[in-house]
Amino acid sequence: LILVCLIDSFKNIKNLKEIKKSLADEVWFVINSELKDFKDDLYTEVLTQIIKSSQPYGFFFPATKIGMSLAPRIAGALKVGLCAHVNYLEVKDNQIVMSRPTYGENIIAKLVSKSFPVMATISLGVFNIKYGKEEPLMKEIIFPENFSWSSKLKIRNFIPSKKKPTKLSTAKVVVSGGRGLKNKETFQKLFELAEILGAEVGATRPVCYEGWVEEERMIGVSGVTVKPKVYIGFGISGALQHTVGMENSEFIVAINIDKEAPLVKMANLALICDARKILELLLKKLKS
């Protein structure tokens, strides 16, 4: 297992300690000042050259905005297939088998790539964080002198986001909302509840697409996979694309008016009632 890092200098690596504790056998660093800012075309060219020279069996990306930008570009450059939003990997008969929802996200498909390297984007939170017993071998990859580090992109300005990054994939408690909360105003009350409980807020895909909350909080095949000790779903029916992202929660609470909802059936505790009323009662009780 090899971890590839593109950086402008060792001084700017914020998570070097985490890298040293990773399960990787080796960590490869590509160091150049032009890599300070993310530029799709340059990063694509650098990683494409690494893959061509090292010829790995598989090359995987996190399903982040950067990962989802790079993966199809590199797959196109290499003329190989790409499996997106994989939520499970296994090795069977010396082949990498990838699982992901398909056909309207109503079934789970198991896919085997006919091209090499096998390439995929992995949904966030799918794998538990594990640390190795020994530090991986770390080395710098030196590119030929004639390699062009230029990019067609020019960064004119950088405006940092005012929003705090979510810790959804590692949260111990998740309160999540669906369309059963009816509107954005009611959904926003989940943030009040989360602050009281020390939880993170998650959401279904329809809620994110309707603009109630940012897409970074989407749980499911198109978003983050969570494995909290407690998952509380407010007004969530439980479509497959969502449940594959939270089915490994230790204790599931479902609040829904539909007793036949899939999430209700898989819950450890189900409340058959209006999720909005329960949310209001919880906030009133906890605040008092």
C-alpha atoms as a PDB file:
ATOM      1  CA  LEU A   1       0.000   0.000   0.000  1.00  0.00           C
ATOM      2  CA  ILE A   2       1.486   3.322  -1.119  1.00  0.00           C
ATOM      3  CA  LEU A   3       0.264   6.789  -0.159  1.00  0.00           C
ATOM      4  CA  VAL A   4       1.056   9.563  -2.650  1.00  0.00           C
ATOM      5  CA  CYS A   5       1.330  13.159  -1.381  1.00  0.00           C
ATOM      6  CA  LEU A   6       1.702  16.248  -3.555  1.00  0.00           C
ATOM      7  CA  ILE A   7       3.171  19.155  -1.576  1.00  0.00           C
ATOM      8  CA  ASP A   8       5.075  22.407  -2.035  1.00  0.00           C
ATOM      9  CA  SER A   9       7.408  21.777   0.938  1.00  0.00           C
ATOM     10  CA  PHE A  10       7.734  19.610   4.040  1.00  0.00           C
ATOM     11  CA  LYS A  11       7.281  22.674   6.229  1.00  0.00           C
ATOM     12  CA  ASN A  12       3.650  23.028   5.164  1.00  0.00           C
ATOM     13  CA  ILE A  13       2.497  19.466   5.903  1.00  0.00           C
ATOM     14  CA  LYS A  14      -0.104  19.848   8.641  1.00  0.00           C
ATOM     15  CA  ASN A  15      -0.797  16.143   9.119  1.00  0.00           C
ATOM     16  CA  LEU A  16       2.694  14.644   8.911  1.00  0.00           C
ATOM     17  CA  LYS A  17       2.199  12.823  12.222  1.00  0.00           C
ATOM     18  CA  GLU A  18      -0.939  11.147  10.857  1.00  0.00           C
ATOM     19  CA  ILE A  19       0.913  10.179   7.688  1.00  0.00           C
ATOM     20  CA  LYS A  20       3.723   8.594   9.703  1.00  0.00           C
ATOM     21  CA  LYS A  21       1.179   6.507  11.640  1.00  0.00           C
ATOM     22  CA  SER A  22      -0.707   5.364   8.539  1.00  0.00           C
ATOM     23  CA  LEU A  23      -1.002   1.741   7.446  1.00  0.00           C
ATOM     24  CA  ALA A  24       0.852   2.538   4.221  1.00  0.00           C
ATOM     25  CA  ASP A  25       3.998   0.545   3.474  1.00  0.00           C
ATOM     26  CA  GLU A  26       5.457   3.545   1.687  1.00  0.00           C
ATOM     27  CA  VAL A  27       4.694   7.255   1.382  1.00  0.00           C
ATOM     28  CA  TRP A  28       5.768   8.975  -1.812  1.00  0.00           C
ATOM     29  CA  PHE A  29       6.218  12.749  -1.788  1.00  0.00           C
ATOM     30  CA  VAL A  30       6.251  14.931  -4.874  1.00  0.00           C
ATOM     31  CA  ILE A  31       7.658  18.319  -3.865  1.00  0.00           C
ATOM     32  CA  ASN A  32       7.490  21.461  -5.973  1.00  0.00           C
ATOM     33  CA  SER A  33       6.539  25.052  -5.209  1.00  0.00           C
ATOM     34  CA  GLU A  34       3.945  24.961  -8.031  1.00  0.00           C
ATOM     35  CA  LEU A  35       1.961  22.378  -6.037  1.00  0.00           C
ATOM     36  CA  LYS A  36       1.122  24.851  -3.274  1.00  0.00           C
ATOM     37  CA  ASP A  37      -2.320  25.587  -4.737  1.00  0.00           C
ATOM     38  CA  PHE A  38      -4.564  22.926  -6.234  1.00  0.00           C
ATOM     39  CA  LYS A  39      -4.579  23.128 -10.024  1.00  0.00           C
ATOM     40  CA  ASP A  40      -6.508  20.400 -11.811  1.00  0.00           C
ATOM     41  CA  ASP A  41      -4.343  20.192 -14.918  1.00  0.00           C
ATOM     42  CA  LEU A  42      -0.972  20.137 -13.129  1.00  0.00           C
ATOM     43  CA  TYR A  43      -2.052  17.668 -10.438  1.00  0.00           C
ATOM     44  CA  THR A  44      -3.531  15.448 -13.159  1.00  0.00           C
ATOM     45  CA  GLU A  45      -0.295  15.437 -15.135  1.00  0.00           C
ATOM     46  CA  VAL A  46       1.861  14.712 -12.065  1.00  0.00           C
ATOM     47  CA  LEU A  47      -0.279  11.791 -10.879  1.00  0.00           C
ATOM     48  CA  THR A  48      -0.654  10.416 -14.403  1.00  0.00           C
ATOM     49  CA  GLN A  49       3.131  10.291 -14.767  1.00  0.00           C
ATOM     50  CA  ILE A  50       3.491   8.541 -11.394  1.00  0.00           C
ATOM     51  CA  ILE A  51       0.929   5.905 -12.372  1.00  0.00           C
ATOM     52  CA  LYS A  52       2.561   5.325 -15.759  1.00  0.00           C
ATOM     53  CA  SER A  53       6.003   4.848 -14.232  1.00  0.00           C
ATOM     54  CA  SER A  54       5.010   2.756 -11.195  1.00  0.00           C
ATOM     55  CA  GLN A  55       2.220   0.722 -12.886  1.00  0.00           C
ATOM     56  CA  PRO A  56       0.173  -0.049  -9.736  1.00  0.00           C
ATOM     57  CA  TYR A  57      -2.620  -2.638  -9.727  1.00  0.00           C
ATOM     58  CA  GLY A  58      -5.022  -0.048  -8.323  1.00  0.00           C
ATOM     59  CA  PHE A  59      -5.135   3.691  -7.661  1.00  0.00           C
ATOM     60  CA  PHE A  60      -7.814   5.174  -5.418  1.00  0.00           C
ATOM     61  CA  PHE A  61      -9.050   8.648  -4.534  1.00  0.00           C
ATOM     62  CA  PRO A  62     -11.217   9.940  -1.683  1.00  0.00           C
ATOM     63  CA  ALA A  63     -14.623  11.089  -2.958  1.00  0.00           C
ATOM     64  CA  THR A  64     -13.874  14.698  -2.030  1.00  0.00           C
ATOM     65  CA  LYS A  65     -14.279  17.612  -4.433  1.00  0.00           C
ATOM     66  CA  ILE A  66     -10.586  17.398  -5.303  1.00  0.00           C
ATOM     67  CA  GLY A  67     -10.657  13.612  -5.626  1.00  0.00           C
ATOM     68  CA  MET A  68     -13.752  13.700  -7.825  1.00  0.00           C
ATOM     69  CA  SER A  69     -12.127  16.338 -10.011  1.00  0.00           C
ATOM     70  CA  LEU A  70      -8.852  14.456 -10.483  1.00  0.00           C
ATOM     71  CA  ALA A  71     -10.060  10.863 -10.829  1.00  0.00           C
ATOM     72  CA  PRO A  72     -11.982  11.176 -14.133  1.00  0.00           C
ATOM     73  CA  ARG A  73      -9.263  13.354 -15.677  1.00  0.00           C
ATOM     74  CA  ILE A  74      -6.554  10.822 -14.842  1.00  0.00           C
ATOM     75  CA  ALA A  75      -8.708   7.862 -15.883  1.00  0.00           C
ATOM     76  CA  GLY A  76      -9.335   9.630 -19.196  1.00  0.00           C
ATOM     77  CA  ALA A  77      -5.634  10.324 -19.687  1.00  0.00           C
ATOM     78  CA  LEU A  78      -4.826   6.654 -19.033  1.00  0.00           C
ATOM     79  CA  LYS A  79      -7.854   5.403 -21.012  1.00  0.00           C
ATOM     80  CA  VAL A  80      -9.055   3.202 -18.149  1.00  0.00           C
ATOM     81  CA  GLY A  81     -12.384   2.794 -16.378  1.00  0.00           C
ATOM     82  CA  LEU A  82     -13.385   4.570 -13.171  1.00  0.00           C
ATOM     83  CA  CYS A  83     -15.839   3.415 -10.501  1.00  0.00           C
ATOM     84  CA  ALA A  84     -17.307   6.334  -8.534  1.00  0.00           C
ATOM     85  CA  HIS A  85     -18.515   6.494  -4.926  1.00  0.00           C
ATOM     86  CA  VAL A  86     -17.440   2.989  -3.923  1.00  0.00           C
ATOM     87  CA  ASN A  87     -18.684   2.034  -0.454  1.00  0.00           C
ATOM     88  CA  TYR A  88     -17.007  -1.369  -0.115  1.00  0.00           C
ATOM     89  CA  LEU A  89     -13.855  -3.024  -1.414  1.00  0.00           C
ATOM     90  CA  GLU A  90     -12.837  -6.667  -1.263  1.00  0.00           C
ATOM     91  CA  VAL A  91     -10.274  -8.917  -2.909  1.00  0.00           C
ATOM     92  CA  LYS A  92     -11.772 -12.058  -4.440  1.00  0.00           C
ATOM     93  CA  ASP A  93     -10.040 -14.497  -6.786  1.00  0.00           C
ATOM     94  CA  ASN A  94      -7.094 -12.089  -7.011  1.00  0.00           C
ATOM     95  CA  GLN A  95      -9.369  -9.306  -8.227  1.00  0.00           C
ATOM     96  CA  ILE A  96     -10.535  -6.086  -6.571  1.00  0.00           C
ATOM     97  CA  VAL A  97     -14.330  -6.178  -6.291  1.00  0.00           C
ATOM     98  CA  MET A  98     -15.999  -2.782  -5.798  1.00  0.00           C
ATOM     99  CA  SER A  99     -19.528  -2.265  -4.462  1.00  0.00           C
ATOM    100  CA  ARG A 100     -21.747   0.753  -5.088  1.00  0.00           C
ATOM    101  CA  PRO A 101     -25.484   1.473  -5.445  1.00  0.00           C
ATOM    102  CA  THR A 102     -26.825   1.635  -9.002  1.00  0.00           C
ATOM    103  CA  TYR A 103     -30.082   1.654 -11.031  1.00  0.00           C
ATOM    104  CA  GLY A 104     -31.477   4.675  -9.279  1.00  0.00           C
ATOM    105  CA  GLU A 105     -29.510   3.584  -6.202  1.00  0.00           C
ATOM    106  CA  ASN A 106     -32.043   0.838  -5.511  1.00  0.00           C
ATOM    107  CA  ILE A 107     -29.612  -2.084  -5.696  1.00  0.00           C
ATOM    108  CA  ILE A 108     -25.966  -2.694  -4.791  1.00  0.00           C
ATOM    109  CA  ALA A 109     -23.780  -3.587  -7.766  1.00  0.00           C
ATOM    110  CA  LYS A 110     -20.477  -5.436  -7.457  1.00  0.00           C
ATOM    111  CA  LEU A 111     -18.047  -4.364 -10.141  1.00  0.00           C
ATOM    112  CA  VAL A 112     -14.740  -5.704 -11.433  1.00  0.00           C
ATOM    113  CA  SER A 113     -12.615  -3.489 -13.651  1.00  0.00           C
ATOM    114  CA  LYS A 114     -11.481  -4.866 -17.000  1.00  0.00           C
ATOM    115  CA  SER A 115      -8.799  -2.200 -17.300  1.00  0.00           C
ATOM    116  CA  PHE A 116      -5.690  -1.515 -15.236  1.00  0.00           C
ATOM    117  CA  PRO A 117      -4.912   0.135 -12.996  1.00  0.00           C
ATOM    118  CA  VAL A 118      -8.208  -0.329 -11.199  1.00  0.00           C
ATOM    119  CA  MET A 119      -9.421   3.180 -10.383  1.00  0.00           C
ATOM    120  CA  ALA A 120     -12.164   4.361  -8.039  1.00  0.00           C
ATOM    121  CA  THR A 121     -13.285   7.160  -5.764  1.00  0.00           C
ATOM    122  CA  ILE A 122     -14.020   5.940  -2.221  1.00  0.00           C
ATOM    123  CA  SER A 123     -16.888   7.452  -0.238  1.00  0.00           C
ATOM    124  CA  LEU A 124     -15.690   9.287   2.873  1.00  0.00           C
ATOM    125  CA  GLY A 125     -15.908   7.349   6.128  1.00  0.00           C
ATOM    126  CA  VAL A 126     -16.120   3.921   4.468  1.00  0.00           C
ATOM    127  CA  PHE A 127     -12.965   2.647   6.146  1.00  0.00           C
ATOM    128  CA  ASN A 128     -12.176   2.985   9.829  1.00  0.00           C
ATOM    129  CA  ILE A 129      -9.024   4.919  10.651  1.00  0.00           C
ATOM    130  CA  LYS A 130      -6.294   2.453  11.591  1.00  0.00           C
ATOM    131  CA  TYR A 131      -2.665   3.024  12.442  1.00  0.00           C
ATOM    132  CA  GLY A 132       0.353   0.906  11.634  1.00  0.00           C
ATOM    133  CA  LYS A 133       2.858  -0.348  14.178  1.00  0.00           C
ATOM    134  CA  GLU A 134       5.834   0.888  12.192  1.00  0.00           C
ATOM    135  CA  GLU A 135       6.479   4.097  10.303  1.00  0.00           C
ATOM    136  CA  PRO A 136       6.167   3.695   6.532  1.00  0.00           C
ATOM    137  CA  LEU A 137       9.154   4.166   4.261  1.00  0.00           C
ATOM    138  CA  MET A 138       9.063   7.772   3.062  1.00  0.00           C
ATOM    139  CA  LYS A 139      10.757   8.886  -0.117  1.00  0.00           C
ATOM    140  CA  GLU A 140      10.705  11.748  -2.574  1.00  0.00           C
ATOM    141  CA  ILE A 141       9.787  11.126  -6.197  1.00  0.00           C
ATOM    142  CA  ILE A 142      12.133  13.041  -8.490  1.00  0.00           C
ATOM    143  CA  PHE A 143      10.716  14.116 -11.845  1.00  0.00           C
ATOM    144  CA  PRO A 144      12.810  14.552 -15.017  1.00  0.00           C
ATOM    145  CA  GLU A 145      14.391  17.978 -15.499  1.00  0.00           C
ATOM    146  CA  ASN A 146      12.343  18.568 -18.642  1.00  0.00           C
ATOM    147  CA  PHE A 147       9.012  17.988 -16.871  1.00  0.00           C
ATOM    148  CA  SER A 148       6.797  21.065 -17.173  1.00  0.00           C
ATOM    149  CA  TRP A 149       5.410  22.315 -13.862  1.00  0.00           C
ATOM    150  CA  SER A 150       3.357  24.989 -15.566  1.00  0.00           C
ATOM    151  CA  SER A 151      -0.423  25.187 -15.395  1.00  0.00           C
ATOM    152  CA  LYS A 152      -3.035  26.892 -17.535  1.00  0.00           C
ATOM    153  CA  LEU A 153      -4.743  27.951 -14.314  1.00  0.00           C
ATOM    154  CA  LYS A 154      -3.752  31.107 -12.447  1.00  0.00           C
ATOM    155  CA  ILE A 155      -4.899  31.663  -8.858  1.00  0.00           C
ATOM    156  CA  ARG A 156      -5.878  35.344  -8.693  1.00  0.00           C
ATOM    157  CA  ASN A 157      -7.358  35.392  -5.212  1.00  0.00           C
ATOM    158  CA  PHE A 158      -8.083  33.076  -2.314  1.00  0.00           C
ATOM    159  CA  ILE A 159     -11.042  33.583   0.021  1.00  0.00           C
ATOM    160  CA  PRO A 160     -11.094  31.165   2.969  1.00  0.00           C
ATOM    161  CA  SER A 161     -14.444  29.612   3.819  1.00  0.00           C
ATOM    162  CA  LYS A 162     -16.129  30.992   6.927  1.00  0.00           C
ATOM    163  CA  LYS A 163     -17.789  27.654   7.594  1.00  0.00           C
ATOM    164  CA  LYS A 164     -16.136  25.228   9.956  1.00  0.00           C
ATOM    165  CA  PRO A 165     -15.220  21.907   8.307  1.00  0.00           C
ATOM    166  CA  THR A 166     -17.575  19.093   9.258  1.00  0.00           C
ATOM    167  CA  LYS A 167     -16.379  16.094  11.265  1.00  0.00           C
ATOM    168  CA  LEU A 168     -19.290  13.986  10.120  1.00  0.00           C
ATOM    169  CA  SER A 169     -17.356  10.846   9.173  1.00  0.00           C
ATOM    170  CA  THR A 170     -15.803  10.539  12.660  1.00  0.00           C
ATOM    171  CA  ALA A 171     -18.713  11.817  14.786  1.00  0.00           C
ATOM    172  CA  LYS A 172     -19.860   9.713  17.753  1.00  0.00           C
ATOM    173  CA  VAL A 173     -23.399  11.108  17.572  1.00  0.00           C
ATOM    174  CA  VAL A 174     -25.184  12.141  14.370  1.00  0.00           C
ATOM    175  CA  VAL A 175     -28.556  13.888  14.112  1.00  0.00           C
ATOM    176  CA  SER A 176     -29.787  13.745  10.552  1.00  0.00           C
ATOM    177  CA  GLY A 177     -32.790  15.237   8.784  1.00  0.00           C
ATOM    178  CA  GLY A 178     -34.888  14.467   5.727  1.00  0.00           C
ATOM    179  CA  ARG A 179     -37.834  15.946   3.886  1.00  0.00           C
ATOM    180  CA  GLY A 180     -40.120  14.956   6.748  1.00  0.00           C
ATOM    181  CA  LEU A 181     -38.936  18.152   8.465  1.00  0.00           C
ATOM    182  CA  LYS A 182     -40.816  19.988   5.670  1.00  0.00           C
ATOM    183  CA  ASN A 183     -38.697  23.137   5.378  1.00  0.00           C
ATOM    184  CA  LYS A 184     -35.262  24.698   5.795  1.00  0.00           C
ATOM    185  CA  GLU A 185     -36.214  26.622   8.934  1.00  0.00           C
ATOM    186  CA  THR A 186     -37.171  23.450  10.805  1.00  0.00           C
ATOM    187  CA  PHE A 187     -34.095  21.640   9.510  1.00  0.00           C
ATOM    188  CA  GLN A 188     -31.822  24.362  10.899  1.00  0.00           C
ATOM    189  CA  LYS A 189     -33.052  23.498  14.396  1.00  0.00           C
ATOM    190  CA  LEU A 190     -31.034  20.295  14.112  1.00  0.00           C
ATOM    191  CA  PHE A 191     -27.930  22.448  14.581  1.00  0.00           C
ATOM    192  CA  GLU A 192     -29.289  23.633  17.934  1.00  0.00           C
ATOM    193  CA  LEU A 193     -29.858  20.031  18.964  1.00  0.00           C
ATOM    194  CA  ALA A 194     -26.423  18.992  17.732  1.00  0.00           C
ATOM    195  CA  GLU A 195     -24.730  21.720  19.761  1.00  0.00           C
ATOM    196  CA  ILE A 196     -26.482  20.550  22.930  1.00  0.00           C
ATOM    197  CA  LEU A 197     -25.690  16.871  22.293  1.00  0.00           C
ATOM    198  CA  GLY A 198     -22.157  17.389  21.017  1.00  0.00           C
ATOM    199  CA  ALA A 199     -23.236  15.867  17.713  1.00  0.00           C
ATOM    200  CA  GLU A 200     -22.764  16.503  13.999  1.00  0.00           C
ATOM    201  CA  VAL A 201     -25.618  17.246  11.596  1.00  0.00           C
ATOM    202  CA  GLY A 202     -26.212  15.003   8.589  1.00  0.00           C
ATOM    203  CA  ALA A 203     -28.757  15.112   5.790  1.00  0.00           C
ATOM    204  CA  THR A 204     -30.339  13.166   2.958  1.00  0.00           C
ATOM    205  CA  ARG A 205     -29.615  13.939  -0.676  1.00  0.00           C
ATOM    206  CA  PRO A 206     -33.006  15.574  -1.461  1.00  0.00           C
ATOM    207  CA  VAL A 207     -32.570  17.954   1.488  1.00  0.00           C
ATOM    208  CA  CYS A 208     -29.119  18.996   0.248  1.00  0.00           C
ATOM    209  CA  TYR A 209     -30.318  19.432  -3.325  1.00  0.00           C
ATOM    210  CA  GLU A 210     -33.186  21.629  -2.129  1.00  0.00           C
ATOM    211  CA  GLY A 211     -30.654  23.938  -0.486  1.00  0.00           C
ATOM    212  CA  TRP A 212     -31.601  23.342   3.149  1.00  0.00           C
ATOM    213  CA  VAL A 213     -27.985  22.547   4.044  1.00  0.00           C
ATOM    214  CA  GLU A 214     -24.593  22.297   2.332  1.00  0.00           C
ATOM    215  CA  GLU A 215     -23.791  19.109   0.397  1.00  0.00           C
ATOM    216  CA  GLU A 216     -20.820  18.371   2.687  1.00  0.00           C
ATOM    217  CA  ARG A 217     -23.393  17.074   5.174  1.00  0.00           C
ATOM    218  CA  MET A 218     -24.944  14.572   2.774  1.00  0.00           C
ATOM    219  CA  ILE A 219     -24.880  11.008   4.117  1.00  0.00           C
ATOM    220  CA  GLY A 220     -24.941   8.146   1.636  1.00  0.00           C
ATOM    221  CA  VAL A 221     -23.368   6.906  -1.551  1.00  0.00           C
ATOM    222  CA  SER A 222     -23.007  10.420  -2.981  1.00  0.00           C
ATOM    223  CA  GLY A 223     -21.731  11.799   0.309  1.00  0.00           C
ATOM    224  CA  VAL A 224     -20.224  10.660   3.598  1.00  0.00           C
ATOM    225  CA  THR A 225     -20.372   7.263   5.300  1.00  0.00           C
ATOM    226  CA  VAL A 226     -20.908   7.527   9.070  1.00  0.00           C
ATOM    227  CA  LYS A 227     -20.506   4.946  11.833  1.00  0.00           C
ATOM    228  CA  PRO A 228     -21.554   6.767  15.024  1.00  0.00           C
ATOM    229  CA  LYS A 229     -22.474   5.237  18.345  1.00  0.00           C
ATOM    230  CA  VAL A 230     -25.888   6.918  18.005  1.00  0.00           C
ATOM    231  CA  TYR A 231     -27.662   7.962  14.809  1.00  0.00           C
ATOM    232  CA  ILE A 232     -30.968   9.865  15.063  1.00  0.00           C
ATOM    233  CA  GLY A 233     -32.974  10.291  11.870  1.00  0.00           C
ATOM    234  CA  PHE A 234     -35.680  12.971  11.794  1.00  0.00           C
ATOM    235  CA  GLY A 235     -38.217  12.587   8.988  1.00  0.00           C
ATOM    236  CA  ILE A 236     -36.044  10.257   6.914  1.00  0.00           C
ATOM    237  CA  SER A 237     -37.750   7.459   4.987  1.00  0.00           C
ATOM    238  CA  GLY A 238     -34.528   5.566   4.383  1.00  0.00           C
ATOM    239  CA  ALA A 239     -33.781   5.249   0.667  1.00  0.00           C
ATOM    240  CA  LEU A 240     -30.958   2.831  -0.117  1.00  0.00           C
ATOM    241  CA  GLN A 241     -28.620   5.602  -1.237  1.00  0.00           C
ATOM    242  CA  HIS A 242     -28.848   7.065   2.281  1.00  0.00           C
ATOM    243  CA  THR A 243     -28.915   3.911   4.422  1.00  0.00           C
ATOM    244  CA  VAL A 244     -25.726   2.485   2.892  1.00  0.00           C
ATOM    245  CA  GLY A 245     -24.022   5.502   4.418  1.00  0.00           C
ATOM    246  CA  MET A 246     -25.240   4.940   7.995  1.00  0.00           C
ATOM    247  CA  GLU A 247     -26.227   1.266   8.299  1.00  0.00           C
ATOM    248  CA  ASN A 248     -23.206   0.462  10.488  1.00  0.00           C
ATOM    249  CA  SER A 249     -24.258   2.894  13.227  1.00  0.00           C
ATOM    250  CA  GLU A 250     -24.255   1.168  16.632  1.00  0.00           C
ATOM    251  CA  PHE A 251     -27.699   2.433  17.694  1.00  0.00           C
ATOM    252  CA  ILE A 252     -30.261   3.852  15.276  1.00  0.00           C
ATOM    253  CA  VAL A 253     -33.236   5.996  16.271  1.00  0.00           C
ATOM    254  CA  ALA A 254     -35.854   6.703  13.580  1.00  0.00           C
ATOM    255  CA  ILE A 255     -38.571   9.340  13.947  1.00  0.00           C
ATOM    256  CA  ASN A 256     -41.152   9.146  11.173  1.00  0.00           C
ATOM    257  CA  ILE A 257     -44.919   9.147  10.680  1.00  0.00           C
ATOM    258  CA  ASP A 258     -44.640   6.155   8.327  1.00  0.00           C
ATOM    259  CA  LYS A 259     -44.229   2.898  10.239  1.00  0.00           C
ATOM    260  CA  GLU A 260     -43.361   1.125   6.971  1.00  0.00           C
ATOM    261  CA  ALA A 261     -40.418   3.401   6.192  1.00  0.00           C
ATOM    262  CA  PRO A 262     -37.171   1.433   5.586  1.00  0.00           C
ATOM    263  CA  LEU A 263     -35.286   3.401   8.253  1.00  0.00           C
ATOM    264  CA  VAL A 264     -38.011   2.636  10.803  1.00  0.00           C
ATOM    265  CA  LYS A 265     -37.673  -1.076  10.092  1.00  0.00           C
ATOM    266  CA  MET A 266     -33.898  -1.076  10.523  1.00  0.00           C
ATOM    267  CA  ALA A 267     -33.919   1.123  13.657  1.00  0.00           C
ATOM    268  CA  ASN A 268     -33.169  -0.054  17.195  1.00  0.00           C
ATOM    269  CA  LEU A 269     -35.757   2.433  18.418  1.00  0.00           C
ATOM    270  CA  ALA A 270     -38.559   3.923  16.311  1.00  0.00           C
ATOM    271  CA  LEU A 271     -40.979   6.726  17.162  1.00  0.00           C
ATOM    272  CA  ILE A 272     -44.012   6.784  14.869  1.00  0.00           C
ATOM    273  CA  CYS A 273     -44.919  10.450  14.957  1.00  0.00           C
ATOM    274  CA  ASP A 274     -44.253  13.842  13.391  1.00  0.00           C
ATOM    275  CA  ALA A 275     -40.482  14.427  13.479  1.00  0.00           C
ATOM    276  CA  ARG A 276     -41.028  18.189  13.726  1.00  0.00           C
ATOM    277  CA  LYS A 277     -42.953  17.873  16.985  1.00  0.00           C
ATOM    278  CA  ILE A 278     -40.345  15.565  18.523  1.00  0.00           C
ATOM    279  CA  LEU A 279     -37.578  17.979  17.533  1.00  0.00           C
ATOM    280  CA  GLU A 280     -39.430  20.889  19.177  1.00  0.00           C
ATOM    281  CA  LEU A 281     -40.080  18.871  22.352  1.00  0.00           C
ATOM    282  CA  LEU A 282     -36.467  17.719  22.571  1.00  0.00           C
ATOM    283  CA  LEU A 283     -35.117  21.242  22.235  1.00  0.00           C
ATOM    284  CA  LYS A 284     -37.575  22.601  24.797  1.00  0.00           C
ATOM    285  CA  LYS A 285     -36.747  19.852  27.286  1.00  0.00           C
ATOM    286  CA  LEU A 286     -32.975  20.013  26.835  1.00  0.00           C
ATOM    287  CA  LYS A 287     -32.845  23.811  26.997  1.00  0.00           C
ATOM    288  CA  SER A 288     -34.800  23.829  30.255  1.00  0.00           C
END
